[in-house]
Amino acid sequence: MRRPQAKILFSVCGLIGFVCGFIPVEKASAAAWTQATDRGLSIFTFRYADAHRRYDENGAAARPADFQKYEIEYYGEFGVTDRTTLVLRSAYQRLIDDGADPPMKAYGGDGIEFALRQRLYQRAGFIVSAQPGLTSRSKVQSTGAAPLSGGGVSYEMRLLGAYGAKIADRKVFLNAEGAYRWRTSRPPNEWRADVTLGFEAAKKLEVFAQSFSTISDGDGRAPFEAFRAHKAQLSLAYRITPKIRLQVGGFHTYAGKNVLRESGALISVWIDRDYSRKSRR
């Protein structure tokens, strides 16, 4: 799929999003809030991205590229207790890099990520949580902005903070996260900062505006250089039933250093889960 087809896919996803709606504020994925005991969430996502430029060491999108990525991802949350949530994530990827020398094609499983989100403080609309995590070795591309074939075991410590309220009878929230990821393979360690603004546009309709930043902690082992990536994402989704939601959106790497300038689209299905004994009767 080349650029004209990617633009068509992006436009179709955007049209679906405006017809649909987005995710309830109080149950945002990967935010500071925790799941209730024996309650959970499963998200199945398909992403497509391509890149025709690469940011150089000075942050200019001057290098040509010919890159495509297809990804199917599973993300899950399970409430161990009201204060502790287990998080799981993995993905299957297909990568095509015709701009490499020689050209490269690869496919396989991404690393499996395990994390525990622990609620530390909650009062009124404020909440603060900590989330240590571990990601296993990946066969294709490690999560985040690490270079291709750089996926080794990694460890992460993440701090999350959020505030939710109502403005003019509309739900709104702000979630901010900071993390440091240690890598055991050749790519450098990473600093991460993620910010999400969510607001209720109409009944069943909410919008997420997000920013994801990854900055390497210096250079890695040869041949991996220092890098940074700043990505923006806009998403909408629709609650089809009380337990099923549809999400669509688009993303773009708007700034960076030694990374691809990716643009793409995503579509996800969210399923709320109830694992209690009462629900199985």
Protein backbone atom coordinates (compact mmCIF):
# COMPACT_ATOMS: atom_id res chain seq x y z
CA MET A 1 0.00 0.00 0.00
CA ARG A 2 1.51 3.30 -1.12
CA ARG A 3 0.81 6.87 -0.09
CA PRO A 4 -2.45 7.44 -2.12
CA GLN A 5 -3.93 4.25 -0.64
CA ALA A 6 -2.81 5.25 2.85
CA LYS A 7 -4.55 8.61 2.46
CA ILE A 8 -7.75 6.86 1.38
CA LEU A 9 -7.58 4.54 4.40
CA PHE A 10 -6.96 7.50 6.72
CA SER A 11 -9.95 9.39 5.26
CA VAL A 12 -12.27 6.38 5.56
CA CYS A 13 -11.26 5.87 9.19
CA GLY A 14 -11.85 9.53 9.92
CA LEU A 15 -15.32 9.41 8.33
CA ILE A 16 -16.23 6.34 10.37
CA GLY A 17 -14.99 8.11 13.49
CA PHE A 18 -17.25 11.13 13.00
CA VAL A 19 -20.22 8.84 12.44
CA CYS A 20 -19.28 6.88 15.55
CA GLY A 21 -17.98 8.04 18.94
CA PHE A 22 -15.27 7.42 21.53
CA ILE A 23 -14.27 5.89 24.83
CA PRO A 24 -15.77 6.70 28.24
CA VAL A 25 -13.49 8.93 30.30
CA GLU A 26 -13.49 6.86 33.47
CA LYS A 27 -12.26 3.68 31.73
CA ALA A 28 -9.52 5.00 29.44
CA SER A 29 -6.90 2.41 28.52
CA ALA A 30 -3.36 2.85 29.83
CA ALA A 31 -4.48 5.79 31.96
CA ALA A 32 -3.95 6.17 35.70
CA TRP A 33 -7.28 4.57 36.66
CA THR A 34 -7.42 0.90 37.72
CA GLN A 35 -10.02 -1.75 36.94
CA ALA A 36 -12.41 -2.97 39.62
CA THR A 37 -11.79 -6.44 41.10
CA ASP A 38 -12.55 -9.20 38.55
CA ARG A 39 -13.35 -6.63 35.86
CA GLY A 40 -11.27 -6.21 32.75
CA LEU A 41 -10.85 -4.87 29.26
CA SER A 42 -9.68 -6.44 25.98
CA ILE A 43 -8.67 -4.33 22.97
CA PHE A 44 -7.93 -5.75 19.52
CA THR A 45 -6.27 -3.26 17.16
CA PHE A 46 -5.17 -3.19 13.54
CA ARG A 47 -2.67 -0.49 12.50
CA TYR A 48 -1.16 0.49 9.20
CA ALA A 49 1.68 3.01 8.85
CA ASP A 50 4.02 4.11 6.12
CA ALA A 51 6.94 6.52 5.83
CA HIS A 52 8.48 8.25 2.83
CA ARG A 53 10.85 10.45 4.82
CA ARG A 54 13.21 9.93 7.74
CA TYR A 55 14.29 12.52 10.29
CA ASP A 56 18.07 12.99 10.27
CA GLU A 57 20.42 13.73 13.19
CA ASN A 58 19.46 17.43 13.01
CA GLY A 59 15.72 16.78 13.16
CA ALA A 60 15.06 17.56 9.48
CA ALA A 61 12.90 15.18 7.44
CA ALA A 62 15.55 15.14 4.73
CA ARG A 63 16.29 11.45 4.23
CA PRO A 64 14.14 9.49 1.76
CA ALA A 65 12.43 6.32 3.01
CA ASP A 66 10.12 3.62 1.66
CA PHE A 67 8.69 1.86 4.70
CA GLN A 68 5.42 0.12 5.58
CA LYS A 69 4.19 -1.57 8.75
CA TYR A 70 1.12 -3.71 9.37
CA GLU A 71 0.34 -4.60 12.99
CA ILE A 72 -2.32 -6.59 14.85
CA GLU A 73 -2.20 -5.91 18.59
CA TYR A 74 -3.84 -7.32 21.70
CA TYR A 75 -4.04 -5.19 24.84
CA GLY A 76 -5.69 -6.39 28.05
CA GLU A 77 -6.37 -5.24 31.59
CA PHE A 78 -7.57 -7.33 34.56
CA GLY A 79 -8.52 -6.02 38.00
CA VAL A 80 -6.63 -8.17 40.51
CA THR A 81 -8.00 -5.89 43.25
CA ASP A 82 -9.64 -2.47 43.12
CA ARG A 83 -6.17 -0.93 43.55
CA THR A 84 -4.11 -3.27 41.33
CA THR A 85 -4.56 -3.96 37.62
CA LEU A 86 -2.64 -6.50 35.53
CA VAL A 87 -1.73 -5.24 32.04
CA LEU A 88 -0.81 -7.45 29.07
CA ARG A 89 0.17 -6.45 25.55
CA SER A 90 1.56 -8.17 22.47
CA ALA A 91 1.42 -7.75 18.70
CA TYR A 92 2.13 -9.43 15.38
CA GLN A 93 3.93 -7.25 12.82
CA ARG A 94 4.80 -7.29 9.13
CA LEU A 95 7.47 -4.80 8.07
CA ILE A 96 8.53 -3.84 4.54
CA ASP A 97 11.52 -1.51 4.16
CA ASP A 98 12.27 -1.06 0.46
CA GLY A 99 14.48 1.91 1.30
CA ALA A 100 16.99 -0.25 3.16
CA ASP A 101 20.18 -1.52 1.55
CA PRO A 102 19.45 -4.32 0.83
CA PRO A 103 15.61 -4.09 0.97
CA MET A 104 14.14 -5.79 4.03
CA LYS A 105 10.93 -7.74 4.71
CA ALA A 106 10.19 -9.22 8.12
CA TYR A 107 7.27 -10.54 10.08
CA GLY A 108 6.69 -12.11 13.47
CA GLY A 109 5.59 -11.54 17.03
CA ASP A 110 6.41 -8.45 19.01
CA GLY A 111 7.53 -8.86 22.62
CA ILE A 112 4.94 -9.73 25.30
CA GLU A 113 4.57 -6.93 27.83
CA PHE A 114 3.51 -7.59 31.44
CA ALA A 115 2.84 -4.73 33.88
CA LEU A 116 1.09 -4.06 37.19
CA ARG A 117 -0.66 -0.73 37.68
CA GLN A 118 -0.89 0.13 41.38
CA ARG A 119 -3.12 3.00 42.51
CA LEU A 120 -1.18 5.16 44.98
CA TYR A 121 -3.53 8.08 45.63
CA GLN A 122 -7.08 9.05 44.76
CA ARG A 123 -9.16 11.98 45.92
CA ALA A 124 -12.05 13.72 44.19
CA GLY A 125 -11.12 13.69 40.49
CA PHE A 126 -7.38 13.19 41.03
CA ILE A 127 -5.58 9.85 40.78
CA VAL A 128 -1.90 8.81 40.82
CA SER A 129 -0.62 5.32 39.96
CA ALA A 130 2.69 3.52 39.44
CA GLN A 131 3.22 0.83 36.81
CA PRO A 132 6.36 -1.34 36.70
CA GLY A 133 6.60 -3.53 33.61
CA LEU A 134 8.61 -6.17 31.75
CA THR A 135 8.70 -6.86 28.00
CA SER A 136 10.06 -10.13 26.58
CA ARG A 137 12.28 -10.40 23.52
CA SER A 138 10.64 -9.55 20.20
CA LYS A 139 11.31 -11.19 16.83
CA VAL A 140 10.61 -8.13 14.68
CA GLN A 141 10.50 -4.65 16.20
CA SER A 142 10.54 -3.77 19.87
CA THR A 143 7.74 -1.58 21.19
CA GLY A 144 8.35 2.14 21.10
CA ALA A 145 10.85 3.81 18.80
CA ALA A 146 13.77 1.39 19.05
CA PRO A 147 15.36 0.60 15.67
CA LEU A 148 14.37 -2.47 13.65
CA SER A 149 15.67 -5.81 14.94
CA GLY A 150 16.49 -4.13 18.24
CA GLY A 151 13.97 -5.93 20.39
CA GLY A 152 15.49 -7.46 23.52
CA VAL A 153 14.17 -7.84 27.05
CA SER A 154 13.28 -4.48 28.57
CA TYR A 155 12.13 -3.18 31.95
CA GLU A 156 10.07 -0.07 32.59
CA MET A 157 8.96 2.06 35.52
CA ARG A 158 6.02 4.36 34.78
CA LEU A 159 4.27 7.02 36.87
CA LEU A 160 0.73 8.02 35.86
CA GLY A 161 -1.43 10.93 36.98
CA ALA A 162 -4.89 12.00 35.86
CA TYR A 163 -7.77 14.33 36.65
CA GLY A 164 -11.37 13.93 35.51
CA ALA A 165 -14.27 16.33 35.87
CA LYS A 166 -17.36 17.76 34.18
CA ILE A 167 -17.34 21.07 32.33
CA ALA A 168 -20.69 22.40 31.06
CA ASP A 169 -22.14 18.96 31.87
CA ARG A 170 -19.56 17.29 29.60
CA LYS A 171 -16.98 14.79 30.84
CA VAL A 172 -13.36 15.79 30.37
CA PHE A 173 -10.06 14.40 31.66
CA LEU A 174 -6.33 14.90 31.37
CA ASN A 175 -3.88 12.02 31.79
CA ALA A 176 -0.08 12.42 31.91
CA GLU A 177 2.53 9.67 32.12
CA GLY A 178 6.29 9.58 32.47
CA ALA A 179 8.48 6.48 32.20
CA TYR A 180 12.02 5.20 31.90
CA ARG A 181 12.72 1.98 29.96
CA TRP A 182 15.90 -0.07 30.48
CA ARG A 183 16.96 -2.24 27.52
CA THR A 184 19.22 -5.30 27.72
CA SER A 185 19.92 -5.35 23.96
CA ARG A 186 21.89 -2.93 21.79
CA PRO A 187 19.40 -0.01 21.46
CA PRO A 188 19.72 2.74 24.10
CA ASN A 189 17.51 3.11 27.14
CA GLU A 190 14.52 5.44 26.71
CA TRP A 191 12.69 8.27 28.42
CA ARG A 192 8.96 8.40 27.64
CA ALA A 193 6.23 11.00 28.09
CA ASP A 194 2.60 10.46 27.08
CA VAL A 195 -0.26 12.98 27.41
CA THR A 196 -3.95 12.39 26.69
CA LEU A 197 -6.82 14.89 26.65
CA GLY A 198 -10.26 13.29 26.46
CA PHE A 199 -13.61 15.01 26.25
CA GLU A 200 -17.24 14.06 25.68
CA ALA A 201 -18.46 15.66 22.44
CA ALA A 202 -21.98 14.17 22.58
CA LYS A 203 -23.83 11.21 24.06
CA LYS A 204 -21.70 8.10 23.35
CA LEU A 205 -19.24 10.30 21.46
CA GLU A 206 -15.85 11.16 22.92
CA VAL A 207 -12.57 12.34 21.45
CA PHE A 208 -8.99 11.64 22.49
CA ALA A 209 -6.14 13.96 21.48
CA GLN A 210 -2.82 12.32 22.39
CA SER A 211 0.90 12.95 22.25
CA PHE A 212 3.55 10.21 22.62
CA SER A 213 7.22 11.09 23.03
CA THR A 214 10.22 8.76 23.24
CA ILE A 215 13.77 10.10 23.76
CA SER A 216 16.81 7.85 23.94
CA ASP A 217 19.18 8.12 26.88
CA GLY A 218 22.25 8.73 24.73
CA ASP A 219 23.57 6.33 22.11
CA GLY A 220 23.14 2.56 22.17
CA ARG A 221 25.70 -0.02 21.21
CA ALA A 222 26.81 0.14 17.56
CA PRO A 223 25.18 0.60 15.16
CA PHE A 224 22.29 2.15 17.16
CA GLU A 225 22.40 5.95 17.51
CA ALA A 226 20.60 8.34 19.81
CA PHE A 227 17.07 9.13 18.66
CA ARG A 228 13.87 10.91 19.61
CA ALA A 229 10.31 10.59 18.30
CA HIS A 230 7.22 12.74 18.91
CA LYS A 231 3.92 11.35 17.69
CA ALA A 232 0.40 12.89 17.71
CA GLN A 233 -2.77 10.81 17.55
CA LEU A 234 -6.45 11.75 17.23
CA SER A 235 -9.09 9.09 17.90
CA LEU A 236 -12.84 8.64 18.14
CA ALA A 237 -15.01 5.60 18.94
CA TYR A 238 -18.58 4.41 19.28
CA ARG A 239 -20.24 2.36 22.01
CA ILE A 240 -22.03 -0.28 19.96
CA THR A 241 -23.40 -2.10 23.02
CA PRO A 242 -22.91 -1.56 26.78
CA LYS A 243 -19.79 -3.78 26.56
CA ILE A 244 -18.46 -3.26 23.02
CA ARG A 245 -16.90 -0.11 21.52
CA LEU A 246 -15.37 0.74 18.16
CA GLN A 247 -12.36 3.06 17.94
CA VAL A 248 -10.83 4.66 14.85
CA GLY A 249 -8.10 7.23 14.45
CA GLY A 250 -4.95 8.45 12.79
CA PHE A 251 -1.40 9.29 13.90
CA HIS A 252 1.68 11.07 12.61
CA THR A 253 5.29 11.42 13.78
CA TYR A 254 5.53 15.22 13.65
CA ALA A 255 9.12 15.57 14.92
CA GLY A 256 12.11 13.38 15.57
CA LYS A 257 15.77 12.49 15.19
CA ASN A 258 17.06 9.35 13.43
CA VAL A 259 13.54 7.90 13.16
CA LEU A 260 10.98 7.42 10.40
CA ARG A 261 8.35 10.10 9.78
CA GLU A 262 5.41 7.69 10.02
CA SER A 263 1.77 8.40 9.23
CA GLY A 264 -0.99 5.87 9.65
CA ALA A 265 -4.42 4.81 10.79
CA LEU A 266 -5.87 2.40 13.34
CA ILE A 267 -9.14 0.63 14.06
CA SER A 268 -9.87 -1.12 17.38
CA VAL A 269 -12.60 -3.13 19.08
CA TRP A 270 -12.91 -2.67 22.86
CA ILE A 271 -14.64 -5.35 24.94
CA ASP A 272 -15.44 -4.81 28.65
CA ARG A 273 -15.04 -8.02 30.66
CA ASP A 274 -16.60 -9.35 33.86
CA TYR A 275 -14.68 -12.31 35.29
CA SER A 276 -16.58 -12.60 38.58
CA ARG A 277 -18.30 -15.86 39.56
CA LYS A 278 -21.64 -14.08 39.50
CA SER A 279 -21.23 -13.28 35.79
CA ARG A 280 -20.54 -16.96 34.98
CA ARG A 281 -23.74 -18.27 36.55
